[in-house]
């Protein structure tokens, strides 16, 4: 099931820009990134998250991508880079938001 989903994502990646809305494109990339994270393909997770971060302007999805990217960086032992992503999320959100709380919690676990 996971292998099938990954195969479909890899196969469809060249076509994702043809999805009708920006949110559909972002959702595709985030689903793919999460699948890669589940199989410990952290470099691919980071690449996909960077696509979301650098291509789109939907703030909540960018924050979601930064949190996932931080997890992947942390698992690759790139602690300073992971901290940077988490600091960005923390500093761009208000304290009552889930993204802010998640970033602070993950930072506390890193340090």
N, C-alpha and C. Protein backbone atom coordinates (compact mmCIF):
# COMPACT_ATOMS: atom_id res chain seq x y z
N UNK A 1 0.83 -1.21 0.00
CA UNK A 1 0.00 0.00 0.00
C UNK A 1 0.87 1.26 0.00
N UNK A 2 1.83 1.31 0.93
CA UNK A 2 2.76 2.45 0.98
C UNK A 2 3.60 2.49 -0.30
N UNK A 3 4.09 1.32 -0.72
CA UNK A 3 4.89 1.25 -1.95
C UNK A 3 4.10 1.73 -3.16
N UNK A 4 2.84 1.33 -3.22
CA UNK A 4 1.97 1.74 -4.33
C UNK A 4 1.77 3.26 -4.33
N UNK A 5 1.53 3.82 -3.15
CA UNK A 5 1.34 5.27 -3.04
C UNK A 5 2.61 6.01 -3.45
N UNK A 6 3.76 5.52 -3.01
CA UNK A 6 5.03 6.15 -3.39
C UNK A 6 5.26 6.07 -4.89
N UNK A 7 4.99 4.91 -5.46
CA UNK A 7 5.17 4.75 -6.90
C UNK A 7 4.28 5.74 -7.65
N UNK A 8 3.03 5.87 -7.23
CA UNK A 8 2.11 6.80 -7.89
C UNK A 8 2.61 8.24 -7.77
N UNK A 9 3.10 8.61 -6.59
CA UNK A 9 3.61 9.97 -6.40
C UNK A 9 4.81 10.23 -7.31
N UNK A 10 5.74 9.28 -7.36
CA UNK A 10 6.93 9.45 -8.23
C UNK A 10 6.52 9.55 -9.69
N UNK A 11 5.58 8.72 -10.08
CA UNK A 11 5.12 8.69 -11.47
C UNK A 11 4.42 10.00 -11.83
N UNK A 12 3.64 10.54 -10.91
CA UNK A 12 2.84 11.73 -11.19
C UNK A 12 3.57 13.06 -10.97
N UNK A 13 4.72 13.03 -10.34
CA UNK A 13 5.39 14.29 -10.01
C UNK A 13 5.58 15.22 -11.21
N UNK A 14 6.01 14.73 -12.37
CA UNK A 14 6.18 15.66 -13.50
C UNK A 14 4.88 16.36 -13.91
N UNK A 15 3.74 15.84 -13.47
CA UNK A 15 2.45 16.38 -13.90
C UNK A 15 1.74 17.23 -12.84
N UNK A 16 2.30 17.31 -11.63
CA UNK A 16 1.54 17.95 -10.55
C UNK A 16 1.19 19.41 -10.81
N UNK A 17 2.01 20.10 -11.60
CA UNK A 17 1.73 21.51 -11.91
C UNK A 17 0.45 21.66 -12.75
N UNK A 18 -0.01 20.56 -13.33
CA UNK A 18 -1.24 20.60 -14.11
C UNK A 18 -2.49 20.52 -13.23
N UNK A 19 -2.31 20.25 -11.95
CA UNK A 19 -3.46 20.25 -11.04
C UNK A 19 -4.08 21.64 -11.06
N UNK A 20 -5.39 21.69 -10.98
CA UNK A 20 -6.11 22.94 -11.25
C UNK A 20 -5.85 24.05 -10.24
N UNK A 21 -5.63 23.71 -8.99
CA UNK A 21 -5.45 24.78 -8.01
C UNK A 21 -4.11 24.65 -7.30
N UNK A 22 -3.63 25.78 -6.81
CA UNK A 22 -2.38 25.82 -6.06
C UNK A 22 -2.49 24.92 -4.83
N UNK A 23 -3.61 24.94 -4.14
CA UNK A 23 -3.77 24.13 -2.93
C UNK A 23 -3.69 22.63 -3.25
N UNK A 24 -4.23 22.22 -4.39
CA UNK A 24 -4.11 20.82 -4.81
C UNK A 24 -2.64 20.46 -5.08
N UNK A 25 -1.91 21.37 -5.70
CA UNK A 25 -0.49 21.13 -5.97
C UNK A 25 0.28 20.99 -4.65
N UNK A 26 0.01 21.88 -3.71
CA UNK A 26 0.68 21.83 -2.41
C UNK A 26 0.31 20.54 -1.68
N UNK A 27 -0.97 20.19 -1.68
CA UNK A 27 -1.39 18.97 -1.00
C UNK A 27 -0.70 17.74 -1.58
N UNK A 28 -0.58 17.69 -2.90
CA UNK A 28 0.13 16.58 -3.55
C UNK A 28 1.58 16.52 -3.03
N UNK A 29 2.28 17.66 -3.05
CA UNK A 29 3.67 17.69 -2.61
C UNK A 29 3.81 17.28 -1.15
N UNK A 30 2.87 17.72 -0.30
CA UNK A 30 2.95 17.38 1.13
C UNK A 30 2.64 15.90 1.37
N UNK A 31 1.70 15.35 0.64
CA UNK A 31 1.42 13.91 0.75
C UNK A 31 2.67 13.12 0.35
N UNK A 32 3.27 13.51 -0.76
CA UNK A 32 4.48 12.85 -1.24
C UNK A 32 5.61 12.98 -0.21
N UNK A 33 5.79 14.19 0.33
CA UNK A 33 6.85 14.42 1.33
C UNK A 33 6.64 13.57 2.57
N UNK A 34 5.40 13.47 3.03
CA UNK A 34 5.10 12.65 4.20
C UNK A 34 5.35 11.17 3.94
N UNK A 35 5.02 10.70 2.73
CA UNK A 35 5.31 9.31 2.37
C UNK A 35 6.82 9.06 2.39
N UNK A 36 7.58 9.99 1.84
CA UNK A 36 9.05 9.85 1.83
C UNK A 36 9.59 9.83 3.25
N UNK A 37 9.03 10.66 4.11
CA UNK A 37 9.46 10.69 5.51
C UNK A 37 9.18 9.35 6.19
N UNK A 38 8.06 8.75 5.86
CA UNK A 38 7.68 7.46 6.47
C UNK A 38 8.64 6.34 6.09
N UNK A 39 9.27 6.42 4.91
CA UNK A 39 10.22 5.38 4.51
C UNK A 39 11.67 5.82 4.76
N UNK A 40 11.84 6.92 5.51
CA UNK A 40 13.16 7.44 5.88
C UNK A 40 13.97 7.94 4.70
N UNK A 41 13.29 8.43 3.65
CA UNK A 41 13.98 9.08 2.53
C UNK A 41 13.96 10.58 2.82
N UNK A 42 14.82 10.97 3.79
CA UNK A 42 14.77 12.34 4.31
C UNK A 42 15.24 13.39 3.31
N UNK A 43 16.18 13.04 2.45
CA UNK A 43 16.63 13.99 1.43
C UNK A 43 15.48 14.35 0.48
N UNK A 44 14.70 13.35 0.11
CA UNK A 44 13.56 13.58 -0.77
C UNK A 44 12.47 14.38 -0.03
N UNK A 45 12.29 14.09 1.24
CA UNK A 45 11.34 14.85 2.06
C UNK A 45 11.72 16.33 2.04
N UNK A 46 13.00 16.61 2.26
CA UNK A 46 13.49 17.99 2.28
C UNK A 46 13.29 18.65 0.92
N UNK A 47 13.61 17.94 -0.15
CA UNK A 47 13.45 18.50 -1.50
C UNK A 47 11.99 18.90 -1.75
N UNK A 48 11.07 18.04 -1.37
CA UNK A 48 9.65 18.31 -1.61
C UNK A 48 9.15 19.46 -0.73
N UNK A 49 9.60 19.48 0.51
CA UNK A 49 9.22 20.60 1.40
C UNK A 49 9.76 21.92 0.86
N UNK A 50 11.00 21.90 0.36
CA UNK A 50 11.58 23.11 -0.22
C UNK A 50 10.78 23.59 -1.43
N UNK A 51 10.25 22.65 -2.21
CA UNK A 51 9.39 23.04 -3.34
C UNK A 51 8.19 23.84 -2.85
N UNK A 52 7.57 23.38 -1.78
CA UNK A 52 6.42 24.09 -1.22
C UNK A 52 6.86 25.45 -0.68
N UNK A 53 7.94 25.46 0.10
CA UNK A 53 8.41 26.69 0.75
C UNK A 53 8.80 27.75 -0.28
N UNK A 54 9.47 27.33 -1.35
CA UNK A 54 10.03 28.28 -2.31
C UNK A 54 9.11 28.62 -3.48
N UNK A 55 8.02 27.88 -3.64
CA UNK A 55 7.16 28.07 -4.81
C UNK A 55 5.83 28.73 -4.48
N UNK A 56 5.32 28.47 -3.29
CA UNK A 56 3.95 28.88 -2.97
C UNK A 56 3.91 29.95 -1.89
N UNK A 57 2.75 30.54 -1.72
CA UNK A 57 2.59 31.64 -0.76
C UNK A 57 1.55 31.34 0.33
N UNK A 58 1.00 30.13 0.34
CA UNK A 58 -0.01 29.77 1.33
C UNK A 58 0.69 29.54 2.67
N UNK A 59 0.54 30.52 3.58
CA UNK A 59 1.35 30.54 4.80
C UNK A 59 1.21 29.27 5.64
N UNK A 60 0.00 28.79 5.87
CA UNK A 60 -0.15 27.62 6.75
C UNK A 60 0.50 26.38 6.14
N UNK A 61 0.47 26.26 4.83
CA UNK A 61 1.11 25.11 4.17
C UNK A 61 2.64 25.24 4.19
N UNK A 62 3.14 26.47 4.09
CA UNK A 62 4.58 26.69 4.19
C UNK A 62 5.06 26.33 5.60
N UNK A 63 4.28 26.73 6.60
CA UNK A 63 4.64 26.39 7.98
C UNK A 63 4.64 24.87 8.18
N UNK A 64 3.64 24.21 7.63
CA UNK A 64 3.55 22.74 7.70
C UNK A 64 4.78 22.11 7.04
N UNK A 65 5.17 22.64 5.89
CA UNK A 65 6.35 22.13 5.18
C UNK A 65 7.62 22.36 5.99
N UNK A 66 7.73 23.52 6.63
CA UNK A 66 8.91 23.80 7.46
C UNK A 66 9.01 22.84 8.65
N UNK A 67 7.88 22.52 9.27
CA UNK A 67 7.88 21.59 10.40
C UNK A 67 8.33 20.19 9.95
N UNK A 68 7.81 19.75 8.81
CA UNK A 68 8.21 18.42 8.30
C UNK A 68 9.67 18.43 7.88
N UNK A 69 10.11 19.51 7.25
CA UNK A 69 11.51 19.64 6.84
C UNK A 69 12.42 19.60 8.06
N UNK A 70 12.02 20.26 9.14
CA UNK A 70 12.82 20.25 10.37
C UNK A 70 12.98 18.83 10.91
N UNK A 71 11.91 18.05 10.87
CA UNK A 71 11.99 16.65 11.31
C UNK A 71 13.01 15.87 10.47
N UNK A 72 12.94 16.06 9.17
CA UNK A 72 13.85 15.34 8.27
C UNK A 72 15.30 15.78 8.50
N UNK A 73 15.52 17.08 8.65
CA UNK A 73 16.87 17.59 8.91
C UNK A 73 17.40 17.01 10.22
N UNK A 74 16.55 17.00 11.23
CA UNK A 74 16.95 16.46 12.53
C UNK A 74 17.36 14.99 12.40
N UNK A 75 16.59 14.22 11.65
CA UNK A 75 16.89 12.79 11.48
C UNK A 75 18.18 12.58 10.68
N UNK A 76 18.56 13.56 9.88
CA UNK A 76 19.83 13.48 9.15
C UNK A 76 20.99 14.03 9.99
N UNK A 77 20.69 14.47 11.22
CA UNK A 77 21.73 15.00 12.09
C UNK A 77 22.09 16.44 11.82
N UNK A 78 21.27 17.11 11.05
CA UNK A 78 21.50 18.52 10.69
C UNK A 78 20.72 19.41 11.67
N UNK A 79 21.17 19.40 12.93
CA UNK A 79 20.43 20.03 14.02
C UNK A 79 20.29 21.54 13.83
N UNK A 80 21.37 22.21 13.42
CA UNK A 80 21.30 23.68 13.26
C UNK A 80 20.31 24.07 12.17
N UNK A 81 20.30 23.31 11.09
CA UNK A 81 19.35 23.59 10.01
C UNK A 81 17.92 23.32 10.47
N UNK A 82 17.73 22.27 11.26
CA UNK A 82 16.41 21.97 11.81
C UNK A 82 15.96 23.09 12.73
N UNK A 83 16.88 23.56 13.59
CA UNK A 83 16.55 24.68 14.48
C UNK A 83 16.12 25.92 13.68
N UNK A 84 16.84 26.20 12.61
CA UNK A 84 16.52 27.38 11.79
C UNK A 84 15.09 27.31 11.28
N UNK A 85 14.68 26.15 10.77
CA UNK A 85 13.31 26.00 10.28
C UNK A 85 12.30 26.19 11.41
N UNK A 86 12.59 25.62 12.56
CA UNK A 86 11.68 25.73 13.69
C UNK A 86 11.61 27.16 14.22
N UNK A 87 12.74 27.86 14.23
CA UNK A 87 12.73 29.27 14.64
C UNK A 87 11.87 30.10 13.69
N UNK A 88 11.97 29.82 12.40
CA UNK A 88 11.15 30.54 11.43
C UNK A 88 9.66 30.34 11.70
N UNK A 89 9.27 29.09 11.96
CA UNK A 89 7.87 28.80 12.26
C UNK A 89 7.45 29.51 13.55
N UNK A 90 8.27 29.37 14.57
CA UNK A 90 7.96 30.01 15.86
C UNK A 90 7.80 31.52 15.71
N UNK A 91 8.72 32.14 14.97
CA UNK A 91 8.72 33.60 14.86
C UNK A 91 7.64 34.13 13.92
N UNK A 92 7.09 33.29 13.06
CA UNK A 92 6.07 33.73 12.10
C UNK A 92 4.65 33.40 12.55
N UNK A 93 4.51 32.87 13.77
CA UNK A 93 3.19 32.48 14.25
C UNK A 93 2.93 33.08 15.62
N UNK A 94 1.68 33.16 15.99
CA UNK A 94 1.35 33.66 17.33
C UNK A 94 1.29 32.49 18.30
N UNK A 95 1.57 32.75 19.58
CA UNK A 95 1.73 31.68 20.57
C UNK A 95 0.54 30.74 20.72
N UNK A 96 -0.66 31.18 20.37
CA UNK A 96 -1.82 30.30 20.56
C UNK A 96 -2.02 29.31 19.42
N UNK A 97 -1.26 29.44 18.34
CA UNK A 97 -1.46 28.55 17.19
C UNK A 97 -0.78 27.20 17.39
N UNK A 98 -1.33 26.20 16.74
CA UNK A 98 -0.76 24.85 16.81
C UNK A 98 0.64 24.82 16.21
N UNK A 99 0.85 25.52 15.11
CA UNK A 99 2.17 25.54 14.47
C UNK A 99 3.22 26.10 15.44
N UNK A 100 2.88 27.17 16.15
CA UNK A 100 3.80 27.79 17.11
C UNK A 100 4.13 26.80 18.23
N UNK A 101 3.08 26.21 18.79
CA UNK A 101 3.27 25.26 19.90
C UNK A 101 4.10 24.06 19.46
N UNK A 102 3.85 23.59 18.25
CA UNK A 102 4.59 22.45 17.72
C UNK A 102 6.06 22.81 17.54
N UNK A 103 6.32 23.99 16.98
CA UNK A 103 7.70 24.44 16.77
C UNK A 103 8.45 24.56 18.10
N UNK A 104 7.81 25.14 19.10
CA UNK A 104 8.45 25.31 20.41
C UNK A 104 8.73 23.94 21.04
N UNK A 105 7.77 23.03 20.94
CA UNK A 105 7.93 21.69 21.48
C UNK A 105 9.10 20.96 20.80
N UNK A 106 9.17 21.07 19.48
CA UNK A 106 10.25 20.40 18.73
C UNK A 106 11.60 21.05 19.05
N UNK A 107 11.62 22.37 19.21
CA UNK A 107 12.87 23.06 19.59
C UNK A 107 13.34 22.58 20.96
N UNK A 108 12.43 22.44 21.90
CA UNK A 108 12.81 21.98 23.23
C UNK A 108 13.40 20.58 23.20
N UNK A 109 12.91 19.74 22.28
CA UNK A 109 13.44 18.38 22.16
C UNK A 109 14.81 18.36 21.49
N UNK A 110 15.08 19.35 20.62
CA UNK A 110 16.37 19.41 19.93
C UNK A 110 17.48 19.87 20.87
N UNK A 111 17.17 20.84 21.70
CA UNK A 111 18.22 21.49 22.50
C UNK A 111 18.62 20.70 23.72
